[in-house]
Protein backbone atom coordinates (compact mmCIF):
# COMPACT_ATOMS: atom_id res chain seq x y z
CA UNK A 1 0.00 0.00 0.00
CA UNK A 2 1.45 3.36 -1.07
CA UNK A 3 1.46 6.28 1.31
CA UNK A 4 0.19 9.65 0.12
CA UNK A 5 3.73 11.01 -0.08
CA UNK A 6 4.85 8.04 -2.23
CA UNK A 7 1.97 8.75 -4.60
CA UNK A 8 2.85 12.45 -4.62
CA UNK A 9 6.49 11.78 -5.53
CA UNK A 10 5.73 9.01 -8.04
CA UNK A 11 6.68 10.30 -11.47
CA UNK A 12 7.87 13.63 -10.10
CA UNK A 13 10.05 15.11 -12.83
CA UNK A 14 12.14 17.37 -10.62
CA UNK A 15 14.87 15.83 -8.47
CA UNK A 16 14.95 17.59 -5.11
CA UNK A 17 18.03 15.51 -4.29
CA UNK A 18 19.99 17.86 -6.54
CA UNK A 19 18.83 20.99 -4.71
CA UNK A 20 20.61 22.58 -1.77
CA UNK A 21 18.64 23.93 1.17
CA UNK A 22 19.48 27.62 0.85
CA UNK A 23 17.43 29.00 3.72
CA UNK A 24 15.71 28.03 6.94
CA UNK A 25 12.85 30.38 7.79
CA UNK A 26 11.73 30.81 11.40
CA UNK A 27 8.78 32.80 12.75
CA UNK A 28 8.90 34.34 16.20
CA UNK A 29 6.91 37.07 17.93
CA UNK A 30 10.15 38.58 19.28
CA UNK A 31 12.92 38.17 16.70
CA UNK A 32 15.36 40.35 18.66
CA UNK A 33 15.15 37.99 21.64
CA UNK A 34 15.38 34.91 19.40
CA UNK A 35 18.40 36.31 17.54
CA UNK A 36 20.19 36.83 20.86
CA UNK A 37 19.50 33.20 21.82
CA UNK A 38 20.72 31.89 18.48
CA UNK A 39 23.88 34.03 18.64
CA UNK A 40 24.85 33.40 22.26
CA UNK A 41 23.64 29.85 22.90
CA UNK A 42 24.09 28.30 19.46
CA UNK A 43 26.91 30.42 18.01
CA UNK A 44 25.14 31.80 14.96
CA UNK A 45 26.79 34.82 13.30
CA UNK A 46 25.35 38.21 14.26
CA UNK A 47 21.89 38.79 12.80
CA UNK A 48 21.32 41.75 10.50
CA UNK A 49 17.90 43.35 11.04
CA UNK A 50 15.87 45.06 8.37
CA UNK A 51 13.36 47.77 9.09
CA UNK A 52 9.71 46.71 9.19
CA UNK A 53 8.27 46.90 5.70
CA UNK A 54 4.92 46.65 4.01
CA UNK A 55 4.37 44.58 0.90
CA UNK A 56 1.65 42.71 -0.92
CA UNK A 57 1.30 38.94 -1.15
CA UNK A 58 -1.21 36.59 -2.65
CA UNK A 59 -2.36 34.58 0.36
CA UNK A 60 -4.53 31.55 -0.41
CA UNK A 61 -5.67 33.20 -3.67
CA UNK A 62 -6.45 36.62 -2.18
CA UNK A 63 -4.29 39.74 -2.37
CA UNK A 64 -3.22 40.85 1.10
CA UNK A 65 -1.20 43.83 2.34
CA UNK A 66 1.14 42.66 5.09
CA UNK A 67 3.86 44.12 7.26
CA UNK A 68 6.84 42.10 8.49
CA UNK A 69 10.31 42.56 9.90
CA UNK A 70 13.14 40.26 8.87
CA UNK A 71 16.54 39.43 10.31
CA UNK A 72 19.23 37.32 8.63
CA UNK A 73 22.23 35.30 9.71
CA UNK A 74 24.18 32.36 8.29
CA UNK A 75 24.83 28.84 9.46
CA UNK A 76 27.71 27.86 7.18
CA UNK A 77 26.28 28.25 3.67
CA UNK A 78 22.64 28.26 4.78
CA UNK A 79 20.83 31.54 5.32
CA UNK A 80 18.82 31.80 8.54
CA UNK A 81 15.78 34.05 8.28
CA UNK A 82 13.83 35.29 11.30
CA UNK A 83 10.38 36.67 10.48
CA UNK A 84 8.29 38.88 12.73
CA UNK A 85 4.69 39.22 11.58
CA UNK A 86 3.30 42.71 12.28
CA UNK A 87 0.00 42.92 10.38
CA UNK A 88 -2.05 41.49 7.52
CA UNK A 89 -3.44 38.11 6.56
CA UNK A 90 -0.64 35.72 5.54
CA UNK A 91 0.95 32.37 6.30
CA UNK A 92 3.07 33.94 9.04
CA UNK A 93 0.00 35.11 10.97
CA UNK A 94 -1.64 31.74 10.33
CA UNK A 95 1.39 29.97 11.90
CA UNK A 96 1.29 32.20 14.99
CA UNK A 97 -2.51 31.85 15.27
CA UNK A 98 -1.97 28.07 15.53
CA UNK A 99 0.10 28.75 18.66
CA UNK A 100 3.36 27.97 16.89
CA UNK A 101 6.75 29.64 16.83
CA UNK A 102 9.95 28.24 15.33
CA UNK A 103 10.89 26.58 12.05
CA UNK A 104 8.32 27.50 9.41
CA UNK A 105 9.84 26.74 6.01
CA UNK A 106 12.84 25.49 4.09
CA UNK A 107 13.76 27.35 0.93
CA UNK A 108 15.51 26.46 -2.30
CA UNK A 109 16.76 28.86 -4.97
CA UNK A 110 15.67 27.64 -8.40
CA UNK A 111 16.13 28.96 -11.92
CA UNK A 112 12.53 28.53 -13.07
CA UNK A 113 9.93 28.28 -10.32
CA UNK A 114 7.19 27.82 -12.93
CA UNK A 115 8.44 24.30 -13.68
CA UNK A 116 8.25 23.38 -10.00
CA UNK A 117 4.83 25.00 -9.61
CA UNK A 118 3.52 22.92 -12.53
CA UNK A 119 4.92 19.69 -11.05
CA UNK A 120 3.46 20.41 -7.61
CA UNK A 121 0.07 21.20 -9.15
CA UNK A 122 0.11 17.87 -11.04
CA UNK A 123 0.55 16.15 -7.68
CA UNK A 124 -2.25 18.06 -5.97
CA UNK A 125 0.02 20.29 -3.90
CA UNK A 126 -1.31 23.82 -3.78
CA UNK A 127 0.25 27.20 -3.29
CA UNK A 128 -0.25 28.92 0.06
CA UNK A 129 1.32 32.26 -0.69
CA UNK A 130 3.27 34.09 -3.38
CA UNK A 131 4.98 37.43 -3.53
CA UNK A 132 7.94 39.47 -4.72
CA UNK A 133 10.66 41.00 -2.61
CA UNK A 134 14.12 42.30 -3.45
CA UNK A 135 13.88 41.06 -7.07
CA UNK A 136 12.99 37.58 -5.83
CA UNK A 137 9.81 35.70 -6.66
CA UNK A 138 8.68 33.76 -3.59
CA UNK A 139 6.33 30.75 -3.63
CA UNK A 140 5.23 28.85 -0.51
CA UNK A 141 3.69 25.40 -1.08
CA UNK A 142 1.14 23.54 1.04
CA UNK A 143 3.56 20.74 2.02
CA UNK A 144 3.32 20.79 5.81
CA UNK A 145 1.00 17.77 6.18
CA UNK A 146 3.13 15.54 3.95
CA UNK A 147 6.59 16.97 4.57
CA UNK A 148 6.33 18.40 8.08
CA UNK A 149 7.34 21.87 6.92
CA UNK A 150 6.43 24.36 4.22
CA UNK A 151 8.60 24.31 1.09
CA UNK A 152 9.48 27.73 -0.30
CA UNK A 153 10.95 28.36 -3.74
CA UNK A 154 12.99 31.47 -4.39
CA UNK A 155 13.64 32.65 -7.94
CA UNK A 156 15.89 35.63 -8.60
CA UNK A 157 14.35 37.80 -11.29
CA UNK A 158 17.11 39.09 -13.52
CA UNK A 159 16.83 42.65 -14.69
CA UNK A 160 17.01 43.05 -18.42
CA UNK A 161 19.89 45.11 -19.67
CA UNK A 162 18.80 48.24 -21.48
CA UNK A 163 19.73 48.51 -25.11
CA UNK A 164 21.99 51.43 -25.88
C-alpha atoms as a PDB file:
ATOM      1  CA  UNK A   1       0.000   0.000   0.000  1.00  0.00           C
ATOM      2  CA  UNK A   2       1.454   3.363  -1.066  1.00  0.00           C
ATOM      3  CA  UNK A   3       1.460   6.284   1.306  1.00  0.00           C
ATOM      4  CA  UNK A   4       0.185   9.653   0.119  1.00  0.00           C
ATOM      5  CA  UNK A   5       3.733  11.015  -0.077  1.00  0.00           C
ATOM      6  CA  UNK A   6       4.847   8.039  -2.226  1.00  0.00           C
ATOM      7  CA  UNK A   7       1.966   8.754  -4.605  1.00  0.00           C
ATOM      8  CA  UNK A   8       2.848  12.451  -4.622  1.00  0.00           C
ATOM      9  CA  UNK A   9       6.490  11.775  -5.529  1.00  0.00           C
ATOM     10  CA  UNK A  10       5.730   9.007  -8.038  1.00  0.00           C
ATOM     11  CA  UNK A  11       6.676  10.304 -11.467  1.00  0.00           C
ATOM     12  CA  UNK A  12       7.870  13.630 -10.103  1.00  0.00           C
ATOM     13  CA  UNK A  13      10.047  15.108 -12.831  1.00  0.00           C
ATOM     14  CA  UNK A  14      12.144  17.375 -10.620  1.00  0.00           C
ATOM     15  CA  UNK A  15      14.869  15.830  -8.471  1.00  0.00           C
ATOM     16  CA  UNK A  16      14.951  17.594  -5.114  1.00  0.00           C
ATOM     17  CA  UNK A  17      18.028  15.511  -4.294  1.00  0.00           C
ATOM     18  CA  UNK A  18      19.989  17.857  -6.543  1.00  0.00           C
ATOM     19  CA  UNK A  19      18.827  20.987  -4.714  1.00  0.00           C
ATOM     20  CA  UNK A  20      20.613  22.577  -1.767  1.00  0.00           C
ATOM     21  CA  UNK A  21      18.636  23.930   1.172  1.00  0.00           C
ATOM     22  CA  UNK A  22      19.482  27.616   0.854  1.00  0.00           C
ATOM     23  CA  UNK A  23      17.431  29.002   3.720  1.00  0.00           C
ATOM     24  CA  UNK A  24      15.708  28.025   6.943  1.00  0.00           C
ATOM     25  CA  UNK A  25      12.850  30.381   7.791  1.00  0.00           C
ATOM     26  CA  UNK A  26      11.727  30.807  11.405  1.00  0.00           C
ATOM     27  CA  UNK A  27       8.784  32.801  12.747  1.00  0.00           C
ATOM     28  CA  UNK A  28       8.896  34.336  16.198  1.00  0.00           C
ATOM     29  CA  UNK A  29       6.912  37.069  17.926  1.00  0.00           C
ATOM     30  CA  UNK A  30      10.145  38.583  19.277  1.00  0.00           C
ATOM     31  CA  UNK A  31      12.922  38.170  16.699  1.00  0.00           C
ATOM     32  CA  UNK A  32      15.363  40.346  18.662  1.00  0.00           C
ATOM     33  CA  UNK A  33      15.153  37.986  21.636  1.00  0.00           C
ATOM     34  CA  UNK A  34      15.383  34.908  19.398  1.00  0.00           C
ATOM     35  CA  UNK A  35      18.402  36.308  17.537  1.00  0.00           C
ATOM     36  CA  UNK A  36      20.193  36.833  20.855  1.00  0.00           C
ATOM     37  CA  UNK A  37      19.500  33.202  21.819  1.00  0.00           C
ATOM     38  CA  UNK A  38      20.718  31.886  18.477  1.00  0.00           C
ATOM     39  CA  UNK A  39      23.877  34.029  18.641  1.00  0.00           C
ATOM     40  CA  UNK A  40      24.851  33.395  22.262  1.00  0.00           C
ATOM     41  CA  UNK A  41      23.637  29.852  22.899  1.00  0.00           C
ATOM     42  CA  UNK A  42      24.091  28.301  19.462  1.00  0.00           C
ATOM     43  CA  UNK A  43      26.913  30.417  18.010  1.00  0.00           C
ATOM     44  CA  UNK A  44      25.139  31.804  14.959  1.00  0.00           C
ATOM     45  CA  UNK A  45      26.786  34.818  13.303  1.00  0.00           C
ATOM     46  CA  UNK A  46      25.354  38.211  14.259  1.00  0.00           C
ATOM     47  CA  UNK A  47      21.888  38.792  12.802  1.00  0.00           C
ATOM     48  CA  UNK A  48      21.317  41.748  10.498  1.00  0.00           C
ATOM     49  CA  UNK A  49      17.904  43.346  11.036  1.00  0.00           C
ATOM     50  CA  UNK A  50      15.872  45.059   8.367  1.00  0.00           C
ATOM     51  CA  UNK A  51      13.356  47.769   9.087  1.00  0.00           C
ATOM     52  CA  UNK A  52       9.713  46.707   9.193  1.00  0.00           C
ATOM     53  CA  UNK A  53       8.272  46.901   5.699  1.00  0.00           C
ATOM     54  CA  UNK A  54       4.918  46.652   4.013  1.00  0.00           C
ATOM     55  CA  UNK A  55       4.373  44.577   0.904  1.00  0.00           C
ATOM     56  CA  UNK A  56       1.649  42.714  -0.916  1.00  0.00           C
ATOM     57  CA  UNK A  57       1.305  38.937  -1.146  1.00  0.00           C
ATOM     58  CA  UNK A  58      -1.210  36.593  -2.654  1.00  0.00           C
ATOM     59  CA  UNK A  59      -2.355  34.575   0.361  1.00  0.00           C
ATOM     60  CA  UNK A  60      -4.531  31.555  -0.414  1.00  0.00           C
ATOM     61  CA  UNK A  61      -5.666  33.199  -3.665  1.00  0.00           C
ATOM     62  CA  UNK A  62      -6.455  36.623  -2.183  1.00  0.00           C
ATOM     63  CA  UNK A  63      -4.285  39.740  -2.366  1.00  0.00           C
ATOM     64  CA  UNK A  64      -3.223  40.853   1.100  1.00  0.00           C
ATOM     65  CA  UNK A  65      -1.204  43.826   2.345  1.00  0.00           C
ATOM     66  CA  UNK A  66       1.138  42.665   5.093  1.00  0.00           C
ATOM     67  CA  UNK A  67       3.858  44.116   7.264  1.00  0.00           C
ATOM     68  CA  UNK A  68       6.845  42.096   8.493  1.00  0.00           C
ATOM     69  CA  UNK A  69      10.309  42.563   9.897  1.00  0.00           C
ATOM     70  CA  UNK A  70      13.142  40.256   8.872  1.00  0.00           C
ATOM     71  CA  UNK A  71      16.545  39.426  10.310  1.00  0.00           C
ATOM     72  CA  UNK A  72      19.235  37.323   8.632  1.00  0.00           C
ATOM     73  CA  UNK A  73      22.233  35.295   9.714  1.00  0.00           C
ATOM     74  CA  UNK A  74      24.184  32.362   8.286  1.00  0.00           C
ATOM     75  CA  UNK A  75      24.829  28.844   9.463  1.00  0.00           C
ATOM     76  CA  UNK A  76      27.707  27.860   7.179  1.00  0.00           C
ATOM     77  CA  UNK A  77      26.282  28.247   3.666  1.00  0.00           C
ATOM     78  CA  UNK A  78      22.637  28.263   4.782  1.00  0.00           C
ATOM     79  CA  UNK A  79      20.826  31.543   5.321  1.00  0.00           C
ATOM     80  CA  UNK A  80      18.824  31.799   8.542  1.00  0.00           C
ATOM     81  CA  UNK A  81      15.776  34.051   8.284  1.00  0.00           C
ATOM     82  CA  UNK A  82      13.826  35.290  11.295  1.00  0.00           C
ATOM     83  CA  UNK A  83      10.380  36.669  10.482  1.00  0.00           C
ATOM     84  CA  UNK A  84       8.289  38.883  12.730  1.00  0.00           C
ATOM     85  CA  UNK A  85       4.693  39.225  11.584  1.00  0.00           C
ATOM     86  CA  UNK A  86       3.297  42.709  12.277  1.00  0.00           C
ATOM     87  CA  UNK A  87      -0.003  42.917  10.383  1.00  0.00           C
ATOM     88  CA  UNK A  88      -2.054  41.493   7.525  1.00  0.00           C
ATOM     89  CA  UNK A  89      -3.436  38.105   6.555  1.00  0.00           C
ATOM     90  CA  UNK A  90      -0.640  35.723   5.537  1.00  0.00           C
ATOM     91  CA  UNK A  91       0.946  32.374   6.297  1.00  0.00           C
ATOM     92  CA  UNK A  92       3.066  33.938   9.037  1.00  0.00           C
ATOM     93  CA  UNK A  93      -0.001  35.112  10.966  1.00  0.00           C
ATOM     94  CA  UNK A  94      -1.639  31.738  10.331  1.00  0.00           C
ATOM     95  CA  UNK A  95       1.387  29.972  11.900  1.00  0.00           C
ATOM     96  CA  UNK A  96       1.289  32.200  14.992  1.00  0.00           C
ATOM     97  CA  UNK A  97      -2.512  31.849  15.274  1.00  0.00           C
ATOM     98  CA  UNK A  98      -1.966  28.074  15.534  1.00  0.00           C
ATOM     99  CA  UNK A  99       0.104  28.754  18.658  1.00  0.00           C
ATOM    100  CA  UNK A 100       3.363  27.967  16.887  1.00  0.00           C
ATOM    101  CA  UNK A 101       6.753  29.644  16.832  1.00  0.00           C
ATOM    102  CA  UNK A 102       9.949  28.244  15.331  1.00  0.00           C
ATOM    103  CA  UNK A 103      10.889  26.580  12.046  1.00  0.00           C
ATOM    104  CA  UNK A 104       8.324  27.502   9.410  1.00  0.00           C
ATOM    105  CA  UNK A 105       9.838  26.739   6.010  1.00  0.00           C
ATOM    106  CA  UNK A 106      12.841  25.486   4.094  1.00  0.00           C
ATOM    107  CA  UNK A 107      13.760  27.347   0.934  1.00  0.00           C
ATOM    108  CA  UNK A 108      15.507  26.465  -2.296  1.00  0.00           C
ATOM    109  CA  UNK A 109      16.762  28.855  -4.966  1.00  0.00           C
ATOM    110  CA  UNK A 110      15.675  27.643  -8.396  1.00  0.00           C
ATOM    111  CA  UNK A 111      16.134  28.957 -11.922  1.00  0.00           C
ATOM    112  CA  UNK A 112      12.527  28.534 -13.070  1.00  0.00           C
ATOM    113  CA  UNK A 113       9.929  28.277 -10.316  1.00  0.00           C
ATOM    114  CA  UNK A 114       7.188  27.822 -12.932  1.00  0.00           C
ATOM    115  CA  UNK A 115       8.438  24.300 -13.681  1.00  0.00           C
ATOM    116  CA  UNK A 116       8.248  23.383 -10.000  1.00  0.00           C
ATOM    117  CA  UNK A 117       4.829  24.999  -9.606  1.00  0.00           C
ATOM    118  CA  UNK A 118       3.522  22.918 -12.528  1.00  0.00           C
ATOM    119  CA  UNK A 119       4.919  19.689 -11.049  1.00  0.00           C
ATOM    120  CA  UNK A 120       3.464  20.409  -7.606  1.00  0.00           C
ATOM    121  CA  UNK A 121       0.066  21.197  -9.150  1.00  0.00           C
ATOM    122  CA  UNK A 122       0.110  17.869 -11.039  1.00  0.00           C
ATOM    123  CA  UNK A 123       0.549  16.150  -7.678  1.00  0.00           C
ATOM    124  CA  UNK A 124      -2.246  18.058  -5.973  1.00  0.00           C
ATOM    125  CA  UNK A 125       0.024  20.291  -3.902  1.00  0.00           C
ATOM    126  CA  UNK A 126      -1.306  23.822  -3.781  1.00  0.00           C
ATOM    127  CA  UNK A 127       0.253  27.202  -3.295  1.00  0.00           C
ATOM    128  CA  UNK A 128      -0.253  28.920   0.055  1.00  0.00           C
ATOM    129  CA  UNK A 129       1.322  32.257  -0.687  1.00  0.00           C
ATOM    130  CA  UNK A 130       3.274  34.094  -3.377  1.00  0.00           C
ATOM    131  CA  UNK A 131       4.981  37.432  -3.525  1.00  0.00           C
ATOM    132  CA  UNK A 132       7.939  39.466  -4.718  1.00  0.00           C
ATOM    133  CA  UNK A 133      10.659  41.003  -2.607  1.00  0.00           C
ATOM    134  CA  UNK A 134      14.122  42.300  -3.452  1.00  0.00           C
ATOM    135  CA  UNK A 135      13.882  41.058  -7.074  1.00  0.00           C
ATOM    136  CA  UNK A 136      12.991  37.584  -5.832  1.00  0.00           C
ATOM    137  CA  UNK A 137       9.810  35.698  -6.662  1.00  0.00           C
ATOM    138  CA  UNK A 138       8.680  33.756  -3.586  1.00  0.00           C
ATOM    139  CA  UNK A 139       6.326  30.753  -3.631  1.00  0.00           C
ATOM    140  CA  UNK A 140       5.235  28.846  -0.510  1.00  0.00           C
ATOM    141  CA  UNK A 141       3.694  25.403  -1.075  1.00  0.00           C
ATOM    142  CA  UNK A 142       1.144  23.536   1.038  1.00  0.00           C
ATOM    143  CA  UNK A 143       3.557  20.741   2.019  1.00  0.00           C
ATOM    144  CA  UNK A 144       3.323  20.788   5.814  1.00  0.00           C
ATOM    145  CA  UNK A 145       0.997  17.771   6.177  1.00  0.00           C
ATOM    146  CA  UNK A 146       3.130  15.542   3.946  1.00  0.00           C
ATOM    147  CA  UNK A 147       6.593  16.967   4.566  1.00  0.00           C
ATOM    148  CA  UNK A 148       6.328  18.400   8.084  1.00  0.00           C
ATOM    149  CA  UNK A 149       7.344  21.868   6.925  1.00  0.00           C
ATOM    150  CA  UNK A 150       6.431  24.356   4.215  1.00  0.00           C
ATOM    151  CA  UNK A 151       8.600  24.312   1.091  1.00  0.00           C
ATOM    152  CA  UNK A 152       9.482  27.735  -0.296  1.00  0.00           C
ATOM    153  CA  UNK A 153      10.948  28.357  -3.736  1.00  0.00           C
ATOM    154  CA  UNK A 154      12.989  31.473  -4.395  1.00  0.00           C
ATOM    155  CA  UNK A 155      13.639  32.647  -7.940  1.00  0.00           C
ATOM    156  CA  UNK A 156      15.892  35.633  -8.597  1.00  0.00           C
ATOM    157  CA  UNK A 157      14.351  37.801 -11.290  1.00  0.00           C
ATOM    158  CA  UNK A 158      17.112  39.085 -13.523  1.00  0.00           C
ATOM    159  CA  UNK A 159      16.828  42.652 -14.685  1.00  0.00           C
ATOM    160  CA  UNK A 160      17.006  43.050 -18.418  1.00  0.00           C
ATOM    161  CA  UNK A 161      19.892  45.111 -19.670  1.00  0.00           C
ATOM    162  CA  UNK A 162      18.799  48.236 -21.479  1.00  0.00           C
ATOM    163  CA  UNK A 163      19.727  48.505 -25.113  1.00  0.00           C
ATOM    164  CA  UNK A 164      21.986  51.428 -25.879  1.00  0.00           C
END
